[in-house]
Amino acid sequence: MLLDTAGLYFRAFHAVPDTIRASNGIPVNAVRGLLDMIARLVAEFQPSEIVACWDDDWRPQWRVDLIPTYKSHRVAADQPRVSNFPVEAMPALLSAQVPLIREVLGALGIPVIGAPQHEADDVIGTLASHATIPVDVVTGDRDLFQLIDDTRGVRVVYTGRGMARLEILTDAALEAKYGVLPVQYADFAVLRGDASDGLPGVPGVGEKTSATLLRTYGDLAGIVAAAAHPESALALSARARLLAATDYLKVAPAVVRVVRDLALPGYDARIRVSTRGQAVHLDRLAVEWGLGASLERARRALHAPDSPGWL
């Protein structure tokens, strides 16, 4: 199980009231919400291994160099850059919890894996592409739909409609939802665009037209070739829109496609009983931060001897 960690803790922060605080007054709603999510996901999907994938760089410069609007609306305008990276706009009550989230995950034995100059999406893409066991990608980010692969047992547990309405996306489910195959999804996203990521897409080409073009021409390269060929059957209006977006279509695929070949550090993601040191650490965190039943539920799910992943 690969967690799109930031997406989950943002969702937790907005779902759980920030009146839930530790004795020192710092809110712990995102921490507790994330722990409850992990407890539910482990209980429901019974993974044998779990990794918290991390944004070491949530807006890599190499992606911005290709498309300057990439995630530009998420940059905190009133914050100084940190280590030469732009600061992501994040509620102060959430940013105060991020270090604790990372500490709690480590204490639970969940490895936190990131990569310099890359997003969690790229870490997930690399791990999913090289996994030797089936993979569940837990995310609310549609870009990761490109990783779905029935032949390798890679599916997406989509949180976009909330934890109460999880969607399990496989090849067939994705095709039924959007009319494209997973291998076509990145091209589909390029054409359609995504306002949440600052990707403009091709003006006038929405989801239905994008899916139709991909069903007809197979992939973005085939669509671009048809637009450039004066005798192709491509409608004149679509041809004009695609040709006008030539510069965008040259660079957008590299931005949208997740990286699948990162050199990542070694880790042990097996779900197993906690060591005495981990148990002491977790007990301290529970008391110090008032994590209460949320941490206990996560501990039971991850460390119970009757858990399928327990070693």
Protein backbone atom coordinates (compact mmCIF):
# COMPACT_ATOMS: atom_id res chain seq x y z
CA MET A 1 0.00 0.00 0.00
CA LEU A 2 1.47 3.32 -1.16
CA LEU A 3 0.08 6.42 0.57
CA ASP A 4 -0.05 9.80 -1.14
CA THR A 5 0.67 11.21 2.28
CA ALA A 6 0.21 14.95 1.79
CA GLY A 7 -3.09 14.45 0.01
CA LEU A 8 -4.32 12.37 2.92
CA TYR A 9 -3.25 14.73 5.68
CA PHE A 10 -4.72 17.73 3.84
CA ARG A 11 -8.00 15.81 3.61
CA ALA A 12 -7.78 14.86 7.28
CA PHE A 13 -7.13 18.46 8.30
CA HIS A 14 -10.26 19.69 6.54
CA ALA A 15 -12.41 16.77 7.71
CA VAL A 16 -11.59 16.86 11.44
CA PRO A 17 -12.24 20.03 13.51
CA ASP A 18 -9.10 21.97 14.42
CA THR A 19 -10.48 22.35 17.94
CA ILE A 20 -8.91 18.94 18.59
CA ARG A 21 -5.64 19.97 20.20
CA ALA A 22 -2.83 18.71 22.38
CA SER A 23 -2.36 20.00 25.90
CA ASN A 24 0.11 22.60 24.58
CA GLY A 25 -2.61 24.08 22.39
CA ILE A 26 -1.23 22.85 19.05
CA PRO A 27 -3.95 21.28 16.88
CA VAL A 28 -3.65 17.56 16.14
CA ASN A 29 -6.73 17.15 13.95
CA ALA A 30 -4.70 16.28 10.83
CA VAL A 31 -2.56 13.80 12.77
CA ARG A 32 -5.55 12.05 14.30
CA GLY A 33 -7.49 12.10 11.05
CA LEU A 34 -4.58 10.56 9.16
CA LEU A 35 -4.19 7.86 11.81
CA ASP A 36 -7.88 7.00 11.51
CA MET A 37 -7.51 6.79 7.73
CA ILE A 38 -4.53 4.45 8.02
CA ALA A 39 -6.35 2.26 10.54
CA ARG A 40 -9.32 1.94 8.21
CA LEU A 41 -7.27 1.36 5.08
CA VAL A 42 -5.14 -1.35 6.70
CA ALA A 43 -8.18 -3.08 8.18
CA GLU A 44 -10.13 -2.96 4.91
CA PHE A 45 -7.43 -3.75 2.35
CA GLN A 46 -5.08 -5.82 4.53
CA PRO A 47 -1.73 -4.89 2.98
CA SER A 48 1.41 -6.77 3.91
CA GLU A 49 3.55 -3.66 3.40
CA ILE A 50 2.86 0.07 3.64
CA VAL A 51 4.88 3.13 2.60
CA ALA A 52 4.18 6.83 3.25
CA CYS A 53 5.30 8.58 0.06
CA TRP A 54 6.47 12.13 0.66
CA ASP A 55 6.82 15.37 -1.28
CA ASP A 56 10.48 16.27 -0.86
CA ASP A 57 9.74 18.93 -3.48
CA TRP A 58 6.04 19.56 -4.07
CA ARG A 59 6.70 21.83 -7.10
CA PRO A 60 9.92 20.70 -8.82
CA GLN A 61 11.67 23.44 -10.74
CA TRP A 62 12.16 21.21 -13.78
CA ARG A 63 8.38 20.93 -14.12
CA VAL A 64 7.95 24.67 -13.61
CA ASP A 65 10.59 25.34 -16.28
CA LEU A 66 8.41 23.42 -18.74
CA ILE A 67 5.06 24.91 -17.66
CA PRO A 68 5.49 28.07 -15.51
CA THR A 69 1.86 27.94 -14.32
CA TYR A 70 2.41 24.50 -12.78
CA LYS A 71 0.93 24.71 -9.25
CA SER A 72 1.66 28.45 -9.28
CA HIS A 73 -1.64 29.22 -7.54
CA ARG A 74 -0.54 27.11 -4.58
CA VAL A 75 2.59 29.14 -3.80
CA ALA A 76 2.34 31.09 -0.55
CA ALA A 77 2.88 34.68 -1.67
CA ASP A 78 3.64 36.02 1.80
CA GLN A 79 6.17 33.36 2.80
CA PRO A 80 9.94 33.39 2.17
CA ARG A 81 11.47 30.57 0.17
CA VAL A 82 12.90 27.70 2.21
CA SER A 83 16.17 26.14 0.99
CA ASN A 84 15.49 27.88 -2.35
CA PHE A 85 12.13 26.11 -2.72
CA PRO A 86 8.84 28.02 -2.82
CA VAL A 87 6.64 27.45 0.20
CA GLU A 88 3.30 25.80 -0.47
CA ALA A 89 0.26 27.70 0.69
CA MET A 90 -0.85 25.71 3.72
CA PRO A 91 -2.95 26.65 6.72
CA ALA A 92 -0.65 27.48 9.64
CA LEU A 93 -2.63 25.10 11.83
CA LEU A 94 -1.75 22.29 9.41
CA SER A 95 1.91 23.14 8.81
CA ALA A 96 2.49 22.96 12.57
CA GLN A 97 1.41 19.31 12.48
CA VAL A 98 3.53 18.06 9.59
CA PRO A 99 6.68 17.30 11.65
CA LEU A 100 4.56 15.38 14.15
CA ILE A 101 2.90 13.43 11.33
CA ARG A 102 6.30 12.35 10.10
CA GLU A 103 7.42 11.37 13.61
CA VAL A 104 4.29 9.34 14.29
CA LEU A 105 4.57 7.49 10.99
CA GLY A 106 8.17 6.57 11.79
CA ALA A 107 7.22 5.41 15.28
CA LEU A 108 4.54 3.18 13.77
CA GLY A 109 7.16 1.55 11.55
CA ILE A 110 5.82 3.09 8.33
CA PRO A 111 8.78 4.22 6.20
CA VAL A 112 8.53 7.77 4.87
CA ILE A 113 10.10 7.89 1.40
CA GLY A 114 10.78 10.98 -0.69
CA ALA A 115 13.24 11.98 -3.40
CA PRO A 116 15.07 15.28 -4.03
CA GLN A 117 13.51 17.45 -6.76
CA HIS A 118 10.53 15.11 -7.04
CA GLU A 119 6.99 14.82 -5.77
CA ALA A 120 5.34 11.98 -3.92
CA ASP A 121 3.68 11.08 -7.24
CA ASP A 122 7.10 10.21 -8.65
CA VAL A 123 8.00 8.11 -5.61
CA ILE A 124 4.69 6.27 -5.98
CA GLY A 125 5.28 5.83 -9.71
CA THR A 126 8.71 4.31 -9.11
CA LEU A 127 7.61 1.98 -6.33
CA ALA A 128 4.47 0.85 -8.15
CA SER A 129 6.34 0.24 -11.40
CA HIS A 130 9.02 -1.92 -9.77
CA ALA A 131 6.92 -3.74 -7.19
CA THR A 132 6.99 -7.54 -7.20
CA ILE A 133 3.68 -7.81 -5.32
CA PRO A 134 0.25 -6.26 -5.98
CA VAL A 135 -0.02 -2.57 -5.16
CA ASP A 136 -2.80 -0.33 -3.86
CA VAL A 137 -2.11 3.38 -4.45
CA VAL A 138 -4.14 5.48 -2.01
CA THR A 139 -4.66 8.97 -3.40
CA GLY A 140 -7.07 11.72 -4.28
CA ASP A 141 -4.86 12.78 -7.22
CA ARG A 142 -6.21 11.75 -10.60
CA ASP A 143 -2.76 11.98 -12.21
CA LEU A 144 -1.89 8.68 -10.56
CA PHE A 145 -4.59 6.90 -12.56
CA GLN A 146 -1.87 6.45 -15.20
CA LEU A 147 -0.28 3.81 -12.93
CA ILE A 148 -3.27 1.45 -12.94
CA ASP A 149 -2.26 -1.88 -14.46
CA ASP A 150 -4.34 -5.03 -14.07
CA THR A 151 -1.56 -7.20 -15.45
CA ARG A 152 0.72 -6.16 -12.58
CA GLY A 153 -1.95 -5.90 -9.90
CA VAL A 154 -1.66 -2.11 -9.55
CA ARG A 155 -4.91 -0.37 -8.69
CA VAL A 156 -5.87 3.00 -7.21
CA VAL A 157 -7.90 3.43 -4.04
CA TYR A 158 -9.33 6.86 -4.89
CA THR A 159 -10.21 9.17 -2.00
CA GLY A 160 -11.51 12.03 -4.12
CA ARG A 161 -15.10 11.57 -2.93
CA GLY A 162 -14.09 11.08 0.70
CA MET A 163 -13.16 8.13 2.88
CA ALA A 164 -16.81 7.09 3.14
CA ARG A 165 -17.01 6.69 -0.65
CA LEU A 166 -13.72 5.14 -1.69
CA GLU A 167 -13.46 4.07 -5.33
CA ILE A 168 -11.36 1.10 -6.42
CA LEU A 169 -10.05 1.83 -9.90
CA THR A 170 -8.83 -0.92 -12.18
CA ASP A 171 -8.37 -0.95 -15.97
CA ALA A 172 -12.08 -1.58 -16.58
CA ALA A 173 -13.24 0.89 -13.93
CA LEU A 174 -11.08 3.66 -15.38
CA GLU A 175 -12.28 2.97 -18.92
CA ALA A 176 -15.89 3.03 -17.73
CA LYS A 177 -15.29 6.31 -15.88
CA TYR A 178 -13.38 8.25 -18.55
CA GLY A 179 -13.46 6.22 -21.74
CA VAL A 180 -9.67 5.76 -21.82
CA LEU A 181 -7.23 3.06 -20.75
CA PRO A 182 -4.65 3.68 -18.01
CA VAL A 183 -1.86 3.78 -20.60
CA GLN A 184 -3.74 6.67 -22.26
CA TYR A 185 -4.55 8.56 -19.08
CA ALA A 186 -1.50 10.86 -19.01
CA ASP A 187 -2.23 11.96 -22.59
CA PHE A 188 -5.88 12.43 -21.62
CA ALA A 189 -4.82 14.67 -18.73
CA VAL A 190 -2.53 16.69 -21.00
CA LEU A 191 -5.35 17.37 -23.45
CA ARG A 192 -8.02 18.05 -20.82
CA GLY A 193 -5.80 20.05 -18.50
CA ASP A 194 -6.17 20.32 -14.75
CA ALA A 195 -6.87 23.64 -13.06
CA SER A 196 -5.88 22.21 -9.67
CA ASP A 197 -2.33 21.74 -11.00
CA GLY A 198 -2.19 24.85 -13.17
CA LEU A 199 -2.21 22.83 -16.39
CA PRO A 200 -4.12 24.74 -19.09
CA GLY A 201 -4.88 21.84 -21.39
CA VAL A 202 -5.88 22.47 -24.99
CA PRO A 203 -8.51 25.24 -25.03
CA GLY A 204 -11.84 23.93 -26.26
CA VAL A 205 -10.85 20.27 -25.79
CA GLY A 206 -12.59 18.82 -22.76
CA GLU A 207 -12.90 15.34 -21.33
CA LYS A 208 -15.31 13.93 -23.93
CA THR A 209 -13.34 15.26 -26.90
CA SER A 210 -10.05 14.10 -25.37
CA ALA A 211 -11.40 10.58 -24.87
CA THR A 212 -12.80 10.49 -28.40
CA LEU A 213 -9.50 11.62 -29.90
CA LEU A 214 -7.59 8.98 -27.95
CA ARG A 215 -9.98 6.21 -28.94
CA THR A 216 -9.58 7.27 -32.58
CA TYR A 217 -5.83 7.94 -32.76
CA GLY A 218 -4.48 5.86 -29.88
CA ASP A 219 -2.19 8.34 -28.14
CA LEU A 220 -1.08 11.96 -28.12
CA ALA A 221 1.55 11.36 -30.78
CA GLY A 222 -1.13 9.96 -33.09
CA ILE A 223 -3.40 12.93 -32.42
CA VAL A 224 -0.62 15.45 -33.09
CA ALA A 225 0.28 13.63 -36.30
CA ALA A 226 -3.35 13.72 -37.44
CA ALA A 227 -3.56 17.45 -36.69
CA ALA A 228 -0.46 18.08 -38.80
CA HIS A 229 -1.67 15.95 -41.72
CA PRO A 230 -3.93 17.98 -44.03
CA GLU A 231 -5.73 14.88 -45.33
CA SER A 232 -6.55 13.28 -41.99
CA ALA A 233 -10.18 12.86 -40.95
CA LEU A 234 -9.70 15.14 -37.92
CA ALA A 235 -12.38 17.83 -37.69
CA LEU A 236 -11.17 21.27 -38.73
CA SER A 237 -12.12 22.84 -35.38
CA ALA A 238 -10.17 20.23 -33.39
CA ARG A 239 -7.24 20.52 -35.82
CA ALA A 240 -7.07 24.29 -35.32
CA ARG A 241 -7.17 23.98 -31.52
CA LEU A 242 -4.46 21.33 -31.45
CA LEU A 243 -2.17 23.22 -33.81
CA ALA A 244 -2.58 26.38 -31.75
CA ALA A 245 -1.47 24.41 -28.69
CA THR A 246 1.63 22.91 -30.34
CA ASP A 247 4.12 24.45 -27.92
CA TYR A 248 2.13 23.31 -24.88
CA LEU A 249 1.75 19.78 -26.26
CA LYS A 250 5.52 19.48 -26.70
CA VAL A 251 6.28 20.04 -23.01
CA ALA A 252 3.16 19.00 -21.09
CA PRO A 253 3.66 15.21 -21.29
CA ALA A 254 6.93 15.44 -19.33
CA VAL A 255 5.12 17.39 -16.61
CA VAL A 256 2.09 15.11 -16.36
CA ARG A 257 3.78 11.72 -16.59
CA VAL A 258 5.04 10.48 -13.26
CA VAL A 259 8.67 9.45 -13.00
CA ARG A 260 9.10 5.70 -12.70
CA ASP A 261 12.85 5.25 -12.33
CA LEU A 262 13.98 7.20 -9.26
CA ALA A 263 16.90 5.93 -7.20
CA LEU A 264 15.25 5.54 -3.80
CA PRO A 265 16.78 4.64 -0.43
CA GLY A 266 16.37 1.17 0.98
CA TYR A 267 13.53 0.58 3.42
CA ASP A 268 11.55 -2.13 5.18
CA ALA A 269 7.81 -1.62 4.69
CA ARG A 270 6.63 -4.92 6.17
CA ILE A 271 3.81 -4.63 8.66
CA ARG A 272 5.04 -6.30 11.81
CA VAL A 273 4.94 -6.15 15.58
CA SER A 274 6.50 -3.01 17.05
CA THR A 275 9.76 -3.23 18.91
CA ARG A 276 9.96 -2.28 22.58
CA GLY A 277 11.56 1.01 21.57
CA GLN A 278 8.75 1.77 19.14
CA ALA A 279 6.13 0.93 21.75
CA VAL A 280 7.73 3.28 24.28
CA HIS A 281 7.96 6.03 21.64
CA LEU A 282 4.30 5.58 20.68
CA ASP A 283 3.20 5.63 24.32
CA ARG A 284 5.05 8.92 24.80
CA LEU A 285 3.54 10.46 21.68
CA ALA A 286 0.05 9.36 22.70
CA VAL A 287 0.35 11.11 26.05
CA GLU A 288 2.32 14.16 24.97
CA TRP A 289 0.11 14.96 21.99
CA GLY A 290 -3.24 13.58 23.14
CA LEU A 291 -3.55 11.25 20.15
CA GLY A 292 -5.87 9.00 22.09
CA ALA A 293 -8.07 6.48 20.32
CA SER A 294 -6.81 7.43 16.85
CA LEU A 295 -3.28 6.26 17.58
CA GLU A 296 -4.57 3.18 19.37
CA ARG A 297 -6.68 2.19 16.36
CA ALA A 298 -3.69 2.57 14.05
CA ARG A 299 -1.50 0.54 16.41
CA ARG A 300 -4.05 -2.25 16.58
CA ALA A 301 -4.45 -2.35 12.80
CA LEU A 302 -0.72 -2.35 12.11
CA HIS A 303 0.66 -4.33 15.04
CA ALA A 304 -2.02 -6.88 15.91
CA PRO A 305 -0.72 -10.48 15.63
CA ASP A 306 -3.87 -11.49 13.72
CA SER A 307 -3.31 -8.85 11.04
CA PRO A 308 -2.61 -10.45 7.61
CA GLY A 309 0.54 -8.38 7.22
CA TRP A 310 1.90 -9.05 10.68
CA LEU A 311 5.35 -10.63 10.89
